[in-house]
Amino acid sequence: MQINYTEKIREKIENKDLKYIILTFGCQLNENDSEKISGMVEEMGFSKTEEFEKADLIIFNTCCVRENAEERLFGKLGEIKKMKEEKNVLVAIGGCMMQEKSMLEKIKKSYKYVDIVFGTHTMQCLPEDMYKAIIENEKVKNIIDIDGEIIEGLPIKRNDKTKASVTIMYGCNNFCTYCIVPYVRGRERSRNPEDILNEIRELAKNGYKEITLLGQNVNSYGNDNFKYCNSKVTSEINTFAKLLRAVNEIDGIEKIKFISPHPKDFKDDVIEAIRDSEKVSKLVHLPLQAGNTKVLKEMNRKYSKEEYLDLVKKMREKIPGVSFSTDIIVGFPGETDEEFEDTLDVVNKVKFDQIFMFIYSSREGTVAADRDDQIPEKIKHVRFDKLKDLYEKIVEEKNEEYVGTVQDILIEGFSKNNKKMLTGRTDFNKVVVFEPQNNEKQGDFVKIKITENHKWFLYGKIIKE
């Protein structure tokens, strides 16, 4: 059905050289969705541009996890209003934010020039939405309930030629009290393992070397018994551990990463799969959010400070050379200075290679948003700075440990700051900058000896094997 709409639009705009731009907010799941949106739009006959002024179609793929994403969206909508008036550019908004009723009503009331609004579960209907907007001049508000079946086979336009993300599941069942995701992305829905493996095999065939497996909670993959799949599951791969091992066997794929797991679901079989699978990164993203047991309970995280540290200890005992990255929220409602010190204590003990730090942002519709003990912004920022200072000190110490080591690096391309230098990342996601020696190019693997620590990146030299 959608193919017919795609063909009709392509016939309508043939030889018009129409261009589109897509602005993506949020996580890697959103980035992956945007690649699918790009694939659909290019099949309709549009070509991509990076300049708003040249676009005939502007698409926003939104995120509702942080308040600043809303501010960015409304700022951009204000900027393009004149373009809409002068050029009659087509404007579409999709993503998580459009699953919120309050946001949808605000768009309809205050931004009437928006042509298409679609949710996370109606993305596949974009060709029909576009047809109605272009051919029938109809405003489209295509939002449905959040627990629809999984749609396979959407076209995809990858942003990279060597690294690719592959979504293995959608939604979340955890209902952390600060998080809006379960309300806008629905319950956990696992993709058919055969569809996942076929997608990765095709990527390998096309020269991709690094795969990142995506999901809101990847290590609960398979817990839903695949009841949302639109095809029968015949594979025996029914857990995340089994999936990791299967991806590790695919020829051509050299690096495997995954985000995001949940500490409460990190069972021994996953730990052993990471240990045994030579291609799986030994940098494990293990979201902490807070280091105090009382705060963790109020966040509905379902583990204590001690249980988190015990998990880290177990993984260090079972996985040689394992390292950790994490997410931390500063200023959760009711958090005292003493409770925040517990977070700093965990950071000191684990020595994370990477910390993604966030100042708590109240999201309408979550339990935490209704609490009357919100932390003043000034205190949040003081705590954020303390965490940042500690993290930077740890980064300096850990980077010094890499000096003198030899790292296998997948070349990502030329450095943005120096076009004469190549860049890539270590298995622990540290950026490495180095000089080319023998026409090395993007997609090549090279061995790099780390020679210098520059805090936010490492400098190295190519060595002969």
Protein backbone atom coordinates (compact mmCIF):
# COMPACT_ATOMS: atom_id res chain seq x y z
CA MET A 1 0.00 0.00 0.00
CA GLN A 2 2.75 2.48 1.03
CA ILE A 3 4.73 1.50 -2.08
CA ASN A 4 1.87 2.80 -4.23
CA TYR A 5 1.96 6.16 -2.47
CA THR A 6 5.75 6.30 -2.88
CA GLU A 7 5.42 5.73 -6.63
CA LYS A 8 2.67 8.35 -6.98
CA ILE A 9 4.79 10.98 -5.25
CA ARG A 10 7.84 10.06 -7.34
CA GLU A 11 5.79 10.52 -10.52
CA LYS A 12 4.40 13.83 -9.26
CA ILE A 13 7.77 15.41 -8.43
CA GLU A 14 9.81 13.84 -11.24
CA ASN A 15 12.41 16.21 -12.74
CA LYS A 16 11.71 18.88 -10.09
CA ASP A 17 14.95 18.27 -8.13
CA LEU A 18 13.22 18.61 -4.75
CA LYS A 19 15.38 18.43 -1.65
CA TYR A 20 14.81 17.47 1.97
CA ILE A 21 16.56 18.03 5.27
CA ILE A 22 16.03 16.09 8.47
CA LEU A 23 16.91 17.39 11.94
CA THR A 24 17.21 14.67 14.58
CA PHE A 25 16.92 15.18 18.33
CA GLY A 26 17.72 12.58 20.96
CA CYS A 27 19.26 9.14 21.20
CA GLN A 28 20.71 6.62 18.75
CA LEU A 29 17.26 5.05 18.38
CA ASN A 30 16.10 8.38 16.96
CA GLU A 31 19.13 8.49 14.69
CA ASN A 32 18.25 5.02 13.43
CA ASP A 33 14.64 6.09 12.84
CA SER A 34 15.89 9.10 10.89
CA GLU A 35 17.89 6.82 8.60
CA LYS A 36 14.65 4.97 7.83
CA ILE A 37 12.80 8.25 7.25
CA SER A 38 15.58 9.30 4.87
CA GLY A 39 15.29 5.98 3.05
CA MET A 40 11.56 6.43 2.51
CA VAL A 41 11.87 10.06 1.41
CA GLU A 42 14.65 9.31 -1.08
CA GLU A 43 12.58 6.51 -2.60
CA MET A 44 9.92 9.18 -3.22
CA GLY A 45 12.44 11.12 -5.30
CA PHE A 46 13.78 13.74 -2.87
CA SER A 47 17.53 14.28 -2.48
CA LYS A 48 19.20 15.32 0.76
CA THR A 49 20.58 18.77 1.58
CA GLU A 50 22.27 20.07 4.72
CA GLU A 51 20.94 23.62 4.24
CA PHE A 52 17.49 24.64 5.43
CA GLU A 53 17.28 27.38 2.79
CA LYS A 54 17.56 24.81 -0.03
CA ALA A 55 14.99 22.37 1.37
CA ASP A 56 11.55 21.77 -0.10
CA LEU A 57 10.75 19.32 2.69
CA ILE A 58 11.82 19.84 6.32
CA ILE A 59 11.47 16.92 8.74
CA PHE A 60 12.00 17.09 12.49
CA ASN A 61 12.49 13.77 14.30
CA THR A 62 11.87 14.67 17.92
CA CYS A 63 12.82 13.43 21.38
CA CYS A 64 10.87 14.06 24.57
CA VAL A 65 13.41 12.88 27.14
CA ARG A 66 14.94 16.32 27.77
CA GLU A 67 13.32 19.73 27.95
CA ASN A 68 15.97 21.34 25.74
CA ALA A 69 14.78 19.19 22.82
CA GLU A 70 11.41 20.93 23.00
CA GLU A 71 13.10 24.33 23.11
CA ARG A 72 15.21 23.48 20.07
CA LEU A 73 12.18 22.25 18.12
CA PHE A 74 10.06 25.33 18.80
CA GLY A 75 13.02 27.59 18.04
CA LYS A 76 13.52 25.91 14.66
CA LEU A 77 9.79 26.02 13.89
CA GLY A 78 9.89 29.75 14.50
CA GLU A 79 12.85 30.10 12.15
CA ILE A 80 11.18 28.29 9.25
CA LYS A 81 7.82 30.08 9.46
CA LYS A 82 9.02 32.68 6.95
CA MET A 83 10.26 29.92 4.64
CA LYS A 84 6.82 28.36 4.78
CA GLU A 85 5.21 31.66 3.80
CA GLU A 86 7.65 32.46 0.99
CA LYS A 87 8.40 29.03 -0.45
CA ASN A 88 5.53 26.89 0.86
CA VAL A 89 8.07 24.36 2.09
CA LEU A 90 6.52 21.11 3.37
CA VAL A 91 7.00 20.68 7.15
CA ALA A 92 6.75 17.32 8.94
CA ILE A 93 7.32 16.47 12.61
CA GLY A 94 7.75 12.92 13.90
CA GLY A 95 9.25 11.06 16.81
CA CYS A 96 8.62 10.55 20.52
CA MET A 97 7.47 14.07 21.28
CA MET A 98 4.53 13.70 18.94
CA GLN A 99 3.20 10.80 21.03
CA GLU A 100 2.52 13.29 23.86
CA LYS A 101 -1.02 14.67 23.66
CA SER A 102 -0.02 18.04 25.09
CA MET A 103 2.69 18.44 22.44
CA LEU A 104 0.34 17.45 19.65
CA GLU A 105 -2.24 20.00 20.80
CA LYS A 106 0.43 22.70 21.00
CA ILE A 107 1.55 22.01 17.43
CA LYS A 108 -2.03 22.07 16.14
CA LYS A 109 -2.81 25.31 17.98
CA SER A 110 0.40 27.37 17.68
CA TYR A 111 2.10 25.99 14.55
CA LYS A 112 -0.75 25.54 12.09
CA TYR A 113 1.63 25.68 9.14
CA VAL A 114 2.99 22.21 10.04
CA ASP A 115 1.71 19.82 7.35
CA ILE A 116 2.44 16.36 8.79
CA VAL A 117 2.66 15.03 12.32
CA PHE A 118 3.46 11.36 12.84
CA GLY A 119 4.34 9.27 15.86
CA THR A 120 6.97 6.63 16.53
CA HIS A 121 4.50 3.91 15.51
CA THR A 122 3.25 5.48 12.29
CA MET A 123 6.59 6.27 10.69
CA GLN A 124 5.95 3.59 8.07
CA CYS A 125 2.87 5.56 6.92
CA LEU A 126 4.96 8.57 5.88
CA PRO A 127 4.48 7.95 2.11
CA GLU A 128 0.69 8.09 2.56
CA ASP A 129 0.98 11.16 4.80
CA MET A 130 3.18 12.86 2.19
CA TYR A 131 0.75 12.00 -0.59
CA LYS A 132 -2.17 13.54 1.31
CA ALA A 133 -0.16 16.68 2.06
CA ILE A 134 1.28 17.13 -1.45
CA ILE A 135 -1.53 15.91 -3.68
CA GLU A 136 -4.62 16.51 -1.58
CA ASN A 137 -3.34 19.49 0.44
CA GLU A 138 -4.52 17.78 3.62
CA LYS A 139 -3.08 18.32 7.09
CA VAL A 140 -2.08 14.95 8.50
CA LYS A 141 -2.03 14.00 12.19
CA ASN A 142 -1.15 10.32 12.04
CA ILE A 143 -0.79 9.20 15.66
CA ILE A 144 -1.83 5.80 17.01
CA ASP A 145 -1.59 3.88 20.28
CA ILE A 146 1.90 2.95 21.33
CA ASP A 147 1.87 -0.85 21.27
CA GLY A 148 1.63 -1.61 17.56
CA GLU A 149 3.28 -4.54 15.83
CA ILE A 150 6.83 -4.36 14.54
CA ILE A 151 7.13 -3.26 10.90
CA GLU A 152 10.00 -4.76 8.91
CA GLY A 153 11.42 -3.96 5.49
CA LEU A 154 11.49 -0.17 5.60
CA PRO A 155 14.10 1.36 3.27
CA ILE A 156 17.04 2.90 5.07
CA LYS A 157 19.67 5.47 4.07
CA ARG A 158 22.70 5.00 6.32
CA ASN A 159 24.71 8.03 7.43
CA ASP A 160 27.96 6.08 7.61
CA LYS A 161 29.69 3.59 5.31
CA THR A 162 31.51 1.49 7.90
CA LYS A 163 29.45 1.71 11.13
CA ALA A 164 25.74 0.98 11.44
CA SER A 165 23.14 0.75 14.19
CA VAL A 166 20.54 -2.02 14.22
CA THR A 167 17.47 -1.81 16.43
CA ILE A 168 16.74 -5.16 18.09
CA MET A 169 13.72 -4.11 20.18
CA TYR A 170 11.39 -1.22 20.85
CA GLY A 171 9.76 0.21 23.96
CA CYS A 172 10.39 -0.19 27.68
CA ASN A 173 8.66 -1.90 30.63
CA ASN A 174 10.64 -0.32 33.46
CA PHE A 175 8.76 2.91 34.22
CA CYS A 176 11.59 4.76 35.91
CA THR A 177 9.86 7.64 37.65
CA TYR A 178 11.82 10.33 35.77
CA CYS A 179 11.36 8.85 32.29
CA ILE A 180 8.65 9.44 29.69
CA VAL A 181 9.86 6.74 27.26
CA PRO A 182 7.43 3.91 28.23
CA TYR A 183 4.53 6.32 27.72
CA VAL A 184 5.58 7.32 24.21
CA ARG A 185 7.38 4.24 22.86
CA GLY A 186 5.17 1.62 24.49
CA ARG A 187 5.91 -1.81 25.93
CA GLU A 188 8.95 -3.88 25.06
CA ARG A 189 8.68 -5.49 21.64
CA SER A 190 11.48 -7.73 20.36
CA ARG A 191 12.26 -8.07 16.66
CA ASN A 192 12.40 -11.48 15.05
CA PRO A 193 16.03 -12.66 15.48
CA GLU A 194 16.10 -13.86 11.86
CA ASP A 195 15.25 -10.34 10.66
CA ILE A 196 18.01 -8.87 12.84
CA LEU A 197 20.66 -11.32 11.66
CA ASN A 198 19.66 -10.95 8.01
CA GLU A 199 19.97 -7.17 8.31
CA ILE A 200 23.44 -7.48 9.84
CA ARG A 201 24.56 -10.04 7.24
CA GLU A 202 23.49 -7.62 4.50
CA LEU A 203 25.42 -4.82 6.19
CA ALA A 204 28.52 -7.03 6.35
CA LYS A 205 28.10 -7.87 2.67
CA ASN A 206 28.06 -4.13 1.92
CA GLY A 207 31.32 -3.48 3.76
CA TYR A 208 30.13 -2.45 7.22
CA LYS A 209 32.57 -3.40 9.97
CA GLU A 210 31.01 -2.15 13.21
CA ILE A 211 27.49 -2.80 14.48
CA THR A 212 25.70 -1.22 17.44
CA LEU A 213 22.66 -3.12 18.71
CA LEU A 214 19.97 -0.71 19.92
CA GLY A 215 17.08 -0.88 22.36
CA GLN A 216 15.77 0.90 25.43
CA ASN A 217 16.69 -2.22 27.44
CA VAL A 218 18.59 -4.63 25.20
CA ASN A 219 19.26 -7.30 27.82
CA SER A 220 15.54 -8.00 28.20
CA TYR A 221 15.45 -8.97 24.51
CA GLY A 222 13.10 -11.92 23.99
CA ASN A 223 11.25 -11.54 27.30
CA ASP A 224 8.06 -10.63 25.39
CA ASN A 225 8.15 -14.00 23.56
CA PHE A 226 8.14 -12.11 20.23
CA LYS A 227 4.37 -11.64 20.34
CA TYR A 228 4.55 -8.34 18.45
CA CYS A 229 6.43 -9.75 15.45
CA ASN A 230 4.48 -9.84 12.19
CA SER A 231 6.23 -13.06 11.14
CA LYS A 232 6.66 -16.42 12.86
CA VAL A 233 9.81 -16.84 14.93
CA THR A 234 11.48 -20.18 14.23
CA SER A 235 14.96 -19.40 15.54
CA GLU A 236 16.20 -20.72 18.89
CA ILE A 237 17.81 -17.32 19.54
CA ASN A 238 15.45 -16.08 22.25
CA THR A 239 17.72 -14.15 24.64
CA PHE A 240 20.13 -11.26 24.33
CA ALA A 241 23.07 -13.50 25.21
CA LYS A 242 22.24 -15.88 22.36
CA LEU A 243 21.80 -12.95 19.98
CA LEU A 244 25.21 -11.54 20.90
CA ARG A 245 26.85 -14.88 20.21
CA ALA A 246 25.04 -15.20 16.85
CA VAL A 247 26.09 -11.71 15.70
CA ASN A 248 29.65 -12.51 16.76
CA GLU A 249 29.66 -15.37 14.20
CA ILE A 250 28.77 -13.16 11.21
CA ASP A 251 31.70 -12.91 8.79
CA GLY A 252 32.78 -9.35 7.97
CA ILE A 253 31.59 -7.76 11.19
CA GLU A 254 34.63 -6.87 13.31
CA LYS A 255 33.17 -4.84 16.21
CA ILE A 256 29.91 -5.20 18.13
CA LYS A 257 28.55 -2.68 20.61
CA PHE A 258 25.18 -2.37 22.32
CA ILE A 259 23.09 0.18 24.20
CA SER A 260 21.36 0.40 26.55
CA PRO A 261 21.19 -2.48 29.02
CA HIS A 262 19.59 -2.26 32.47
CA PRO A 263 21.66 -3.35 35.51
CA LYS A 264 18.75 -5.33 36.98
CA ASP A 265 18.63 -7.55 33.85
CA PHE A 266 22.38 -8.16 33.54
CA LYS A 267 22.35 -11.93 34.03
CA ASP A 268 25.33 -14.28 33.96
CA ASP A 269 24.59 -15.52 30.42
CA VAL A 270 25.05 -11.99 29.04
CA ILE A 271 28.26 -11.49 31.01
CA GLU A 272 29.61 -14.78 29.67
CA ALA A 273 28.59 -13.92 26.11
CA ILE A 274 30.54 -10.65 26.33
CA ARG A 275 33.54 -12.54 27.73
CA ASP A 276 33.44 -15.26 25.06
CA SER A 277 32.66 -13.12 22.00
CA GLU A 278 35.90 -11.62 20.73
CA LYS A 279 34.13 -9.03 18.57
CA VAL A 280 31.93 -7.66 21.36
CA SER A 281 33.28 -4.46 22.90
CA LYS A 282 34.59 -4.82 26.43
CA LEU A 283 33.37 -1.30 27.21
CA VAL A 284 30.00 -2.00 28.83
CA HIS A 285 27.46 0.79 29.12
CA LEU A 286 25.93 0.31 32.57
CA PRO A 287 23.52 3.16 33.43
CA LEU A 288 23.81 4.13 37.09
CA GLN A 289 21.54 7.24 37.20
CA ALA A 290 22.26 7.76 40.93
CA GLY A 291 24.55 6.22 43.53
CA ASN A 292 22.30 6.36 46.58
CA THR A 293 20.01 3.41 47.35
CA LYS A 294 17.12 5.58 48.60
CA VAL A 295 17.24 7.76 45.47
CA LEU A 296 17.49 4.68 43.25
CA LYS A 297 14.37 3.26 44.91
CA GLU A 298 12.50 6.54 44.32
CA MET A 299 13.66 6.40 40.69
CA ASN A 300 12.21 2.84 40.50
CA ARG A 301 15.54 1.50 39.27
CA LYS A 302 15.16 -1.85 41.11
CA TYR A 303 18.76 -2.16 42.34
CA SER A 304 20.74 -0.72 45.25
CA LYS A 305 24.10 0.98 45.34
CA GLU A 306 25.62 -2.22 46.73
CA GLU A 307 24.00 -4.41 44.06
CA TYR A 308 25.35 -2.13 41.32
CA LEU A 309 28.88 -2.28 42.74
CA ASP A 310 28.61 -6.06 43.15
CA LEU A 311 27.63 -6.35 39.47
CA VAL A 312 30.65 -4.28 38.45
CA LYS A 313 32.87 -6.50 40.61
CA LYS A 314 31.42 -9.69 39.09
CA MET A 315 31.93 -8.40 35.54
CA ARG A 316 35.51 -7.42 36.29
CA GLU A 317 36.17 -10.91 37.63
CA LYS A 318 34.58 -12.64 34.61
CA ILE A 319 35.52 -10.33 31.70
CA PRO A 320 39.26 -9.60 31.37
CA GLY A 321 39.92 -5.93 30.63
CA VAL A 322 36.29 -4.83 30.98
CA SER A 323 35.59 -1.13 31.39
CA PHE A 324 32.41 0.87 31.92
CA SER A 325 30.50 3.88 30.71
CA THR A 326 27.36 5.17 32.39
CA ASP A 327 24.50 7.68 32.59
CA ILE A 328 24.05 9.85 35.67
CA ILE A 329 21.19 12.21 36.54
CA VAL A 330 22.05 15.10 38.86
CA GLY A 331 19.38 16.78 41.00
CA PHE A 332 16.59 14.18 41.12
CA PRO A 333 13.72 15.47 43.30
CA GLY A 334 14.43 15.15 47.01
CA GLU A 335 18.11 14.21 46.57
CA THR A 336 20.15 15.61 49.46
CA ASP A 337 23.79 16.69 49.36
CA GLU A 338 24.71 13.57 51.36
CA GLU A 339 22.84 11.31 48.92
CA PHE A 340 24.59 12.97 45.98
CA GLU A 341 27.93 12.15 47.67
CA ASP A 342 27.03 8.48 47.21
CA THR A 343 26.98 9.06 43.46
CA LEU A 344 30.48 10.54 43.64
CA ASP A 345 31.54 7.54 45.73
CA VAL A 346 30.37 5.08 43.05
CA VAL A 347 32.14 7.11 40.35
CA ASN A 348 35.34 7.00 42.40
CA LYS A 349 35.09 3.25 42.87
CA VAL A 350 34.14 2.25 39.33
CA LYS A 351 36.38 4.75 37.48
CA PHE A 352 34.11 5.01 34.44
CA ASP A 353 35.74 5.55 31.06
CA GLN A 354 32.79 7.68 29.99
CA ILE A 355 29.99 9.41 31.88
CA PHE A 356 26.98 10.92 30.15
CA MET A 357 25.84 13.52 32.70
CA PHE A 358 22.38 15.06 32.77
CA ILE A 359 20.78 17.67 34.97
CA TYR A 360 17.34 16.36 36.00
CA SER A 361 14.64 17.70 33.70
CA SER A 362 11.01 17.40 34.78
CA ARG A 363 8.88 15.62 32.17
CA GLU A 364 5.12 16.09 32.26
CA GLY A 365 3.34 12.78 32.76
CA THR A 366 6.05 11.13 34.89
CA VAL A 367 5.79 10.36 38.61
CA ALA A 368 8.81 12.49 39.51
CA ALA A 369 7.35 15.57 37.82
CA ASP A 370 4.53 15.71 40.40
CA ARG A 371 6.82 15.78 43.42
CA ASP A 372 6.90 18.97 45.46
CA ASP A 373 10.54 18.59 46.50
CA GLN A 374 12.17 19.65 43.22
CA ILE A 375 15.82 20.67 43.55
CA PRO A 376 16.66 24.35 42.85
CA GLU A 377 18.53 24.87 39.58
CA LYS A 378 21.48 26.49 41.35
CA ILE A 379 22.05 23.39 43.50
CA LYS A 380 21.72 21.12 40.46
CA HIS A 381 24.45 23.05 38.66
CA VAL A 382 26.77 23.02 41.69
CA ARG A 383 26.44 19.23 41.89
CA PHE A 384 26.86 18.85 38.14
CA ASP A 385 30.13 20.78 38.30
CA LYS A 386 31.39 18.58 41.15
CA LEU A 387 30.63 15.45 39.14
CA LYS A 388 32.22 16.96 36.03
CA ASP A 389 35.42 17.86 37.92
CA LEU A 390 35.70 14.35 39.34
CA TYR A 391 35.07 12.76 35.95
CA GLU A 392 37.70 14.91 34.24
CA LYS A 393 40.24 13.90 36.85
CA ILE A 394 39.44 10.21 36.25
CA VAL A 395 39.65 10.69 32.47
CA GLU A 396 43.17 12.12 32.82
CA GLU A 397 44.24 9.19 34.99
CA LYS A 398 42.70 6.54 32.72
CA ASN A 399 44.05 8.09 29.53
CA GLU A 400 47.57 7.92 30.97
CA GLU A 401 47.06 4.17 31.37
CA TYR A 402 46.55 3.89 27.59
CA VAL A 403 49.83 5.63 26.72
CA GLY A 404 52.24 2.98 25.44
CA THR A 405 49.52 0.44 24.63
CA VAL A 406 48.66 -0.84 21.15
CA GLN A 407 45.03 -0.48 20.08
CA ASP A 408 43.07 -1.90 17.14
CA ILE A 409 41.37 1.08 15.49
CA LEU A 410 38.66 1.21 12.84
CA ILE A 411 39.39 4.33 10.77
CA GLU A 412 36.33 6.59 10.78
CA GLY A 413 37.75 9.23 8.46
CA PHE A 414 39.72 12.44 8.69
CA SER A 415 39.77 14.50 11.85
CA LYS A 416 37.33 17.44 11.83
CA ASN A 417 40.02 19.69 13.29
CA ASN A 418 42.89 18.61 11.05
CA LYS A 419 42.18 17.17 7.61
CA LYS A 420 45.72 15.77 7.42
CA MET A 421 45.05 13.45 10.36
CA LEU A 422 42.92 10.31 10.55
CA THR A 423 40.71 9.43 13.48
CA GLY A 424 39.08 6.36 15.02
CA ARG A 425 38.12 4.95 18.41
CA THR A 426 39.53 2.36 20.76
CA ASP A 427 37.43 -0.53 22.03
CA PHE A 428 36.78 1.71 25.05
CA ASN A 429 35.44 4.47 22.78
CA LYS A 430 38.41 6.79 23.24
CA VAL A 431 39.02 9.05 20.23
CA VAL A 432 42.45 8.49 18.68
CA VAL A 433 44.11 10.85 16.19
CA PHE A 434 47.02 9.69 14.01
CA GLU A 435 48.87 10.42 10.78
CA PRO A 436 48.25 8.25 7.70
CA GLN A 437 51.27 6.31 6.47
CA ASN A 438 50.30 4.24 3.46
CA ASN A 439 47.03 5.49 1.96
CA GLU A 440 44.94 4.17 4.86
CA LYS A 441 41.26 5.03 4.47
CA GLN A 442 37.89 4.95 6.18
CA GLY A 443 36.88 1.38 7.00
CA ASP A 444 40.42 0.05 7.37
CA PHE A 445 41.60 -1.49 10.64
CA VAL A 446 45.01 -0.37 11.84
CA LYS A 447 47.15 -1.00 14.91
CA ILE A 448 47.95 2.23 16.72
CA LYS A 449 50.51 2.71 19.48
CA ILE A 450 49.20 5.41 21.84
CA THR A 451 51.92 7.99 22.41
CA GLU A 452 50.20 11.00 24.00
CA ASN A 453 47.23 11.86 26.20
CA HIS A 454 45.34 15.03 25.24
CA LYS A 455 42.51 14.61 27.78
CA TRP A 456 39.59 14.36 25.36
CA PHE A 457 41.51 12.40 22.75
CA LEU A 458 44.62 10.28 22.40
CA TYR A 459 47.41 10.70 19.89
CA GLY A 460 49.09 7.67 18.34
CA LYS A 461 51.15 6.24 15.50
CA ILE A 462 50.43 3.43 13.07
CA ILE A 463 52.64 0.42 13.67
CA LYS A 464 53.33 -2.52 11.38
CA GLU A 465 51.83 -5.85 12.37
